[in-house]
Amino acid sequence: MLRLLQIEFIKLWNNRASKVLIISYFVLLTSIALIAAIKFDIGPVQFHLADQGIFNFPYIWHFNTYVTALFKLFLAIVIVSMMSNEYSNKTIKQNLIDGLSKKEFILSKLLTVISFALISTVFVFVVSMILGLFYSDYNEISIIFSDLDFLFAFFVKLVAFFSFCLFLGILVKRSAFALGFLILWSILEQVVFGLLGWKVMSWDSARMIKDFFPLQSMSNLIKEPFTRLSAVQNIGQQIGEDMKFDYHTYWYEFLIAIVWAAIFIYLSYVLLKKRDL
C-alpha cells in the first residue's frame, strides 16, 4: 500500500498546479490563527475577536473544524484534476500496462483521499491546540480533550467529500465539468428538498429525507458553531430567542456519511472496471 501511495504523491508533486493548490490549502488552514489578530477600535469600544471565546477549549474544536472544512474545495480541485490528468496524460493506461490492476489503481486513489483527510485532521488538531493553549480561558486537561469528536467528524466529512470528488473525476473525466457537476448536485439537493416539502410531504419529513442526501449528510457532521458563542447567546436572550441547539453528531449521521463514501468508492471501481481505457 505504501508503494501505491508513493506513486500517487510523486504524480501530484510533479504537477505544478496540484502542488500550488496543496500548499495553498495548508497555508489557509494555518491562516485561521490570523483571526486572533483581528481587532476593532471604534471610539471607546474595543473589540478583539480572540476575546470572544472562539479559541476557548473545548469550543475551539467545533469552531476550527467547521471553518477549515470550508477550504476543502482546494483539495477537491486537486482530486478531480488528478483523475483528469490520468486520462489526458494516459498515465492510467500506462499504469495498467505496467502491471497495476484496476483494483490497485482505485486503492491508490482511496489511500490518497484518506491521506489528505488524515493530514488535514492532524494539522487542524495541532493549530487548534496551539491557539487554545495561548488564548483559552480553560486549560484543565479534562476540558482540553473534551469534544474531540468534532475532529473525527471533520475526518469523516473530508473522506466522504473527497470520495465523491474522486467518483466525479472518474465519471466526467474533465476537471472543470466535474467541479461544475459538484455545484449542480449541491443545487439539485436543495431543489429536491424544496419540491418534497412544498408538494409531496410536510417540511419536517422533507428535512428527514434531505439528511440522507450525500452533500447534506456530510454537512450534518459539523453543525454551525456561531450560535454557541456567549455573545450570540446573550443577544438571543435579549431579543427573546432561544439559542440552545444540539451541536453534537450522532452515530447514525456518521454512518450515513460513511456509507456514501463507500458507495462512491465502489461506483468509482465499477466505472473503471467497465470502461474501455
Protein backbone atom coordinates (compact mmCIF):
# COMPACT_ATOMS: atom_id res chain seq x y z
CA MET A 1 0.00 0.00 0.00
CA LEU A 2 2.90 2.33 0.70
CA ARG A 3 4.10 1.75 -2.87
CA LEU A 4 0.69 2.77 -4.25
CA LEU A 5 0.61 5.87 -2.08
CA GLN A 6 4.14 6.79 -3.08
CA ILE A 7 3.21 6.58 -6.77
CA GLU A 8 0.27 8.95 -6.25
CA PHE A 9 2.24 11.55 -4.30
CA ILE A 10 5.00 11.53 -6.91
CA LYS A 11 2.38 12.25 -9.58
CA LEU A 12 0.85 15.07 -7.52
CA TRP A 13 4.15 16.66 -6.56
CA ASN A 14 5.34 16.67 -10.17
CA ASN A 15 2.21 18.56 -11.21
CA ARG A 16 2.75 22.29 -10.61
CA ALA A 17 -0.95 23.18 -10.31
CA SER A 18 -1.59 20.39 -7.77
CA LYS A 19 1.48 21.41 -5.78
CA VAL A 20 0.33 25.05 -5.60
CA LEU A 21 -3.21 24.07 -4.56
CA ILE A 22 -2.00 21.68 -1.85
CA ILE A 23 0.40 24.26 -0.40
CA SER A 24 -2.29 26.98 -0.59
CA TYR A 25 -4.74 24.71 1.24
CA PHE A 26 -2.43 24.14 4.20
CA VAL A 27 -1.44 27.82 4.28
CA LEU A 28 -5.14 28.67 4.54
CA LEU A 29 -5.56 26.15 7.36
CA THR A 30 -2.74 27.88 9.20
CA SER A 31 -4.17 31.33 8.48
CA ILE A 32 -7.03 30.67 10.86
CA ALA A 33 -4.56 31.79 13.51
CA LEU A 34 -4.76 35.28 11.99
CA ILE A 35 -8.31 35.53 13.34
CA ALA A 36 -6.72 36.05 16.74
CA ALA A 37 -5.15 39.30 15.48
CA ILE A 38 -8.47 40.87 14.38
CA LYS A 39 -9.17 43.98 16.47
CA PHE A 40 -11.61 46.84 16.03
CA ASP A 41 -11.33 50.14 17.89
CA ILE A 42 -14.47 52.24 17.42
CA GLY A 43 -14.18 55.19 19.78
CA PRO A 44 -14.34 53.85 23.32
CA VAL A 45 -15.39 50.41 22.11
CA GLN A 46 -12.56 47.91 21.68
CA PHE A 47 -13.34 44.58 20.01
CA HIS A 48 -10.80 41.76 19.99
CA LEU A 49 -12.14 38.62 18.28
CA ALA A 50 -9.92 36.28 20.29
CA ASP A 51 -11.52 37.66 23.49
CA GLN A 52 -14.98 36.47 22.34
CA GLY A 53 -14.17 32.90 23.32
CA ILE A 54 -13.70 31.40 19.84
CA PHE A 55 -10.41 29.85 20.96
CA ASN A 56 -11.67 28.56 24.29
CA PHE A 57 -11.45 24.81 24.93
CA PRO A 58 -13.48 22.81 24.04
CA TYR A 59 -15.35 25.23 21.72
CA ILE A 60 -12.23 25.64 19.55
CA TRP A 61 -12.56 22.05 18.24
CA HIS A 62 -16.02 22.86 16.94
CA PHE A 63 -15.18 26.30 15.55
CA ASN A 64 -11.92 25.37 13.81
CA THR A 65 -13.17 22.16 12.21
CA TYR A 66 -16.24 23.98 10.87
CA VAL A 67 -14.25 26.90 9.43
CA THR A 68 -11.38 24.85 7.98
CA ALA A 69 -13.82 22.45 6.33
CA LEU A 70 -14.84 25.39 4.11
CA PHE A 71 -11.39 25.19 2.47
CA LYS A 72 -11.86 21.60 1.33
CA LEU A 73 -12.66 22.76 -2.21
CA PHE A 74 -8.92 23.32 -2.75
CA LEU A 75 -8.21 19.62 -2.32
CA ALA A 76 -11.39 18.76 -4.24
CA ILE A 77 -9.85 20.53 -7.24
CA VAL A 78 -6.65 18.53 -6.73
CA ILE A 79 -8.57 15.24 -6.66
CA VAL A 80 -10.70 15.84 -9.77
CA SER A 81 -7.64 17.22 -11.58
CA MET A 82 -5.72 14.14 -10.51
CA MET A 83 -8.22 11.93 -12.33
CA SER A 84 -8.45 14.27 -15.31
CA ASN A 85 -4.67 14.14 -15.71
CA GLU A 86 -4.74 10.36 -15.57
CA TYR A 87 -6.95 10.33 -18.68
CA SER A 88 -5.40 13.27 -20.58
CA ASN A 89 -1.81 12.11 -19.97
CA LYS A 90 -2.77 8.44 -20.46
CA THR A 91 -0.91 7.55 -17.24
CA ILE A 92 -3.83 5.37 -16.15
CA LYS A 93 -3.38 3.21 -19.26
CA GLN A 94 0.38 3.10 -18.72
CA ASN A 95 -0.07 2.09 -15.07
CA LEU A 96 -2.31 -0.81 -16.12
CA ILE A 97 0.17 -1.88 -18.82
CA ASP A 98 2.94 -1.81 -16.19
CA GLY A 99 1.03 -4.36 -14.13
CA LEU A 100 -1.16 -2.27 -11.83
CA SER A 101 -4.64 -3.79 -11.59
CA LYS A 102 -7.77 -1.63 -11.69
CA LYS A 103 -8.47 -2.57 -8.08
CA GLU A 104 -4.98 -1.41 -7.08
CA PHE A 105 -5.47 1.79 -9.07
CA ILE A 106 -8.68 2.65 -7.17
CA LEU A 107 -7.00 1.63 -3.91
CA SER A 108 -4.16 4.08 -4.62
CA LYS A 109 -6.72 6.87 -5.10
CA LEU A 110 -8.57 5.87 -1.93
CA LEU A 111 -5.31 5.93 0.04
CA THR A 112 -4.65 9.42 -1.33
CA VAL A 113 -8.12 10.56 -0.25
CA ILE A 114 -7.65 9.14 3.26
CA SER A 115 -4.14 10.63 3.50
CA PHE A 116 -5.40 14.10 2.60
CA ALA A 117 -8.17 13.82 5.20
CA LEU A 118 -5.84 12.44 7.89
CA ILE A 119 -3.10 15.02 7.34
CA SER A 120 -5.72 17.80 7.37
CA THR A 121 -7.17 16.48 10.64
CA VAL A 122 -3.75 16.29 12.33
CA PHE A 123 -2.93 19.77 11.03
CA VAL A 124 -6.15 21.24 12.44
CA PHE A 125 -5.53 19.45 15.76
CA VAL A 126 -2.04 20.96 16.09
CA VAL A 127 -3.11 24.50 15.08
CA SER A 128 -6.15 24.35 17.39
CA MET A 129 -4.10 23.04 20.30
CA ILE A 130 -1.55 25.84 19.94
CA LEU A 131 -4.22 28.55 19.66
CA GLY A 132 -6.18 27.08 22.56
CA LEU A 133 -3.15 26.94 24.85
CA PHE A 134 -2.43 30.59 24.05
CA TYR A 135 -5.94 32.06 24.22
CA SER A 136 -8.28 29.69 26.06
CA ASP A 137 -9.62 30.65 29.46
CA TYR A 138 -9.93 26.97 30.35
CA ASN A 139 -6.79 24.83 30.43
CA GLU A 140 -7.82 21.82 32.51
CA ILE A 141 -6.88 18.55 30.81
CA SER A 142 -10.45 17.21 31.00
CA ILE A 143 -11.76 20.32 29.25
CA ILE A 144 -8.98 20.48 26.64
CA PHE A 145 -9.64 16.94 25.42
CA SER A 146 -13.43 17.03 25.54
CA ASP A 147 -15.41 17.41 22.30
CA LEU A 148 -12.66 15.80 20.23
CA ASP A 149 -15.42 14.01 18.34
CA PHE A 150 -15.52 17.13 16.14
CA LEU A 151 -12.09 16.13 14.81
CA PHE A 152 -13.38 12.67 13.94
CA ALA A 153 -16.40 14.27 12.26
CA PHE A 154 -14.00 16.51 10.31
CA PHE A 155 -12.02 13.46 9.15
CA VAL A 156 -15.13 11.53 8.06
CA LYS A 157 -16.53 14.62 6.34
CA LEU A 158 -13.36 15.06 4.27
CA VAL A 159 -13.12 11.36 3.36
CA ALA A 160 -16.75 11.30 2.20
CA PHE A 161 -16.44 14.56 0.26
CA PHE A 162 -13.17 13.61 -1.42
CA SER A 163 -14.61 10.19 -2.31
CA PHE A 164 -17.49 11.98 -4.05
CA CYS A 165 -14.98 14.17 -5.92
CA LEU A 166 -13.00 11.08 -6.93
CA PHE A 167 -16.15 9.48 -8.33
CA LEU A 168 -17.00 12.65 -10.27
CA GLY A 169 -13.45 12.81 -11.63
CA ILE A 170 -13.74 9.26 -12.98
CA LEU A 171 -17.30 9.77 -14.22
CA VAL A 172 -16.76 13.04 -16.09
CA LYS A 173 -13.01 12.83 -16.92
CA ARG A 174 -12.70 16.64 -17.18
CA SER A 175 -11.91 18.56 -14.00
CA ALA A 176 -13.90 21.69 -14.94
CA PHE A 177 -17.01 19.65 -15.78
CA ALA A 178 -16.58 17.53 -12.63
CA LEU A 179 -16.49 20.66 -10.45
CA GLY A 180 -19.47 22.03 -12.35
CA PHE A 181 -21.34 18.79 -11.69
CA LEU A 182 -20.46 19.11 -7.99
CA ILE A 183 -22.01 22.58 -7.86
CA LEU A 184 -25.02 21.38 -9.85
CA TRP A 185 -25.51 18.46 -7.44
CA SER A 186 -25.50 20.79 -4.42
CA ILE A 187 -28.20 22.91 -6.08
CA LEU A 188 -30.16 19.79 -7.04
CA GLU A 189 -30.28 18.61 -3.42
CA GLN A 190 -31.85 21.93 -2.38
CA VAL A 191 -34.33 21.85 -5.29
CA VAL A 192 -35.44 18.28 -4.47
CA PHE A 193 -35.79 19.22 -0.79
CA GLY A 194 -37.91 22.24 -1.73
CA LEU A 195 -40.17 20.22 -4.02
CA LEU A 196 -40.64 17.50 -1.40
CA GLY A 197 -41.59 19.99 1.31
CA TRP A 198 -43.78 22.07 -0.99
CA LYS A 199 -45.68 19.44 -2.96
CA VAL A 200 -45.19 15.95 -1.54
CA MET A 201 -44.94 15.91 2.27
CA SER A 202 -44.51 18.05 5.36
CA TRP A 203 -41.36 20.13 5.74
CA ASP A 204 -40.27 18.07 8.75
CA SER A 205 -40.49 14.86 6.70
CA ALA A 206 -38.65 16.55 3.82
CA ARG A 207 -35.84 17.58 6.20
CA MET A 208 -35.51 13.98 7.40
CA ILE A 209 -35.14 12.75 3.80
CA LYS A 210 -32.75 15.59 2.99
CA ASP A 211 -30.41 14.35 5.74
CA PHE A 212 -29.83 11.24 3.62
CA PHE A 213 -28.63 13.24 0.59
CA PRO A 214 -24.85 12.91 0.02
CA LEU A 215 -23.70 16.51 0.48
CA GLN A 216 -26.25 17.24 3.20
CA SER A 217 -25.17 14.16 5.17
CA MET A 218 -21.58 15.44 5.05
CA SER A 219 -22.71 18.91 6.13
CA ASN A 220 -24.60 17.42 9.09
CA LEU A 221 -21.37 16.07 10.59
CA ILE A 222 -20.34 19.54 11.82
CA LYS A 223 -23.18 21.94 12.61
CA GLU A 224 -22.61 25.70 12.60
CA PRO A 225 -20.81 26.79 15.79
CA PHE A 226 -21.58 30.51 15.90
CA THR A 227 -24.76 30.33 17.97
CA ARG A 228 -22.71 28.64 20.74
CA LEU A 229 -20.78 31.87 21.39
CA SER A 230 -21.74 33.58 24.63
CA ALA A 231 -22.10 36.94 22.82
CA VAL A 232 -24.61 35.44 20.41
CA GLN A 233 -26.42 33.67 23.27
CA ASN A 234 -26.72 36.98 25.15
CA ILE A 235 -28.15 38.75 22.09
CA GLY A 236 -30.62 35.89 21.66
CA GLN A 237 -31.80 36.23 25.26
CA GLN A 238 -32.24 39.98 24.88
CA ILE A 239 -34.48 39.60 21.82
CA GLY A 240 -36.34 36.63 23.30
CA GLU A 241 -34.87 33.95 21.01
CA ASP A 242 -33.99 30.50 22.34
CA MET A 243 -30.46 29.89 21.01
CA LYS A 244 -29.97 26.46 22.55
CA PHE A 245 -29.34 23.89 19.82
CA ASP A 246 -27.95 20.37 19.65
CA TYR A 247 -24.49 20.67 18.09
CA HIS A 248 -23.23 17.14 18.55
CA THR A 249 -23.06 14.49 15.86
CA TYR A 250 -24.81 11.17 16.38
CA TRP A 251 -23.73 7.69 15.30
CA TYR A 252 -26.32 7.47 12.51
CA GLU A 253 -25.03 10.73 10.98
CA PHE A 254 -21.54 9.25 10.87
CA LEU A 255 -22.97 6.06 9.40
CA ILE A 256 -24.83 7.84 6.58
CA ALA A 257 -21.69 9.73 5.50
CA ILE A 258 -19.50 6.62 5.73
CA VAL A 259 -22.00 4.61 3.63
CA TRP A 260 -21.96 7.33 0.96
CA ALA A 261 -18.15 7.30 0.95
CA ALA A 262 -18.19 3.52 0.45
CA ILE A 263 -20.79 3.84 -2.33
CA PHE A 264 -18.72 6.44 -4.20
CA ILE A 265 -15.54 4.37 -3.94
CA TYR A 266 -17.39 1.26 -5.14
CA LEU A 267 -19.02 3.12 -8.05
CA SER A 268 -15.60 4.51 -9.00
CA TYR A 269 -14.26 0.97 -9.19
CA VAL A 270 -17.28 -0.26 -11.18
CA LEU A 271 -16.94 2.61 -13.65
CA LEU A 272 -13.22 1.99 -14.10
CA LYS A 273 -13.73 -1.75 -14.43
CA LYS A 274 -16.35 -1.41 -17.18
CA ARG A 275 -14.71 1.45 -19.05
CA ASP A 276 -12.52 0.71 -22.07
CA LEU A 277 -9.28 2.56 -21.45
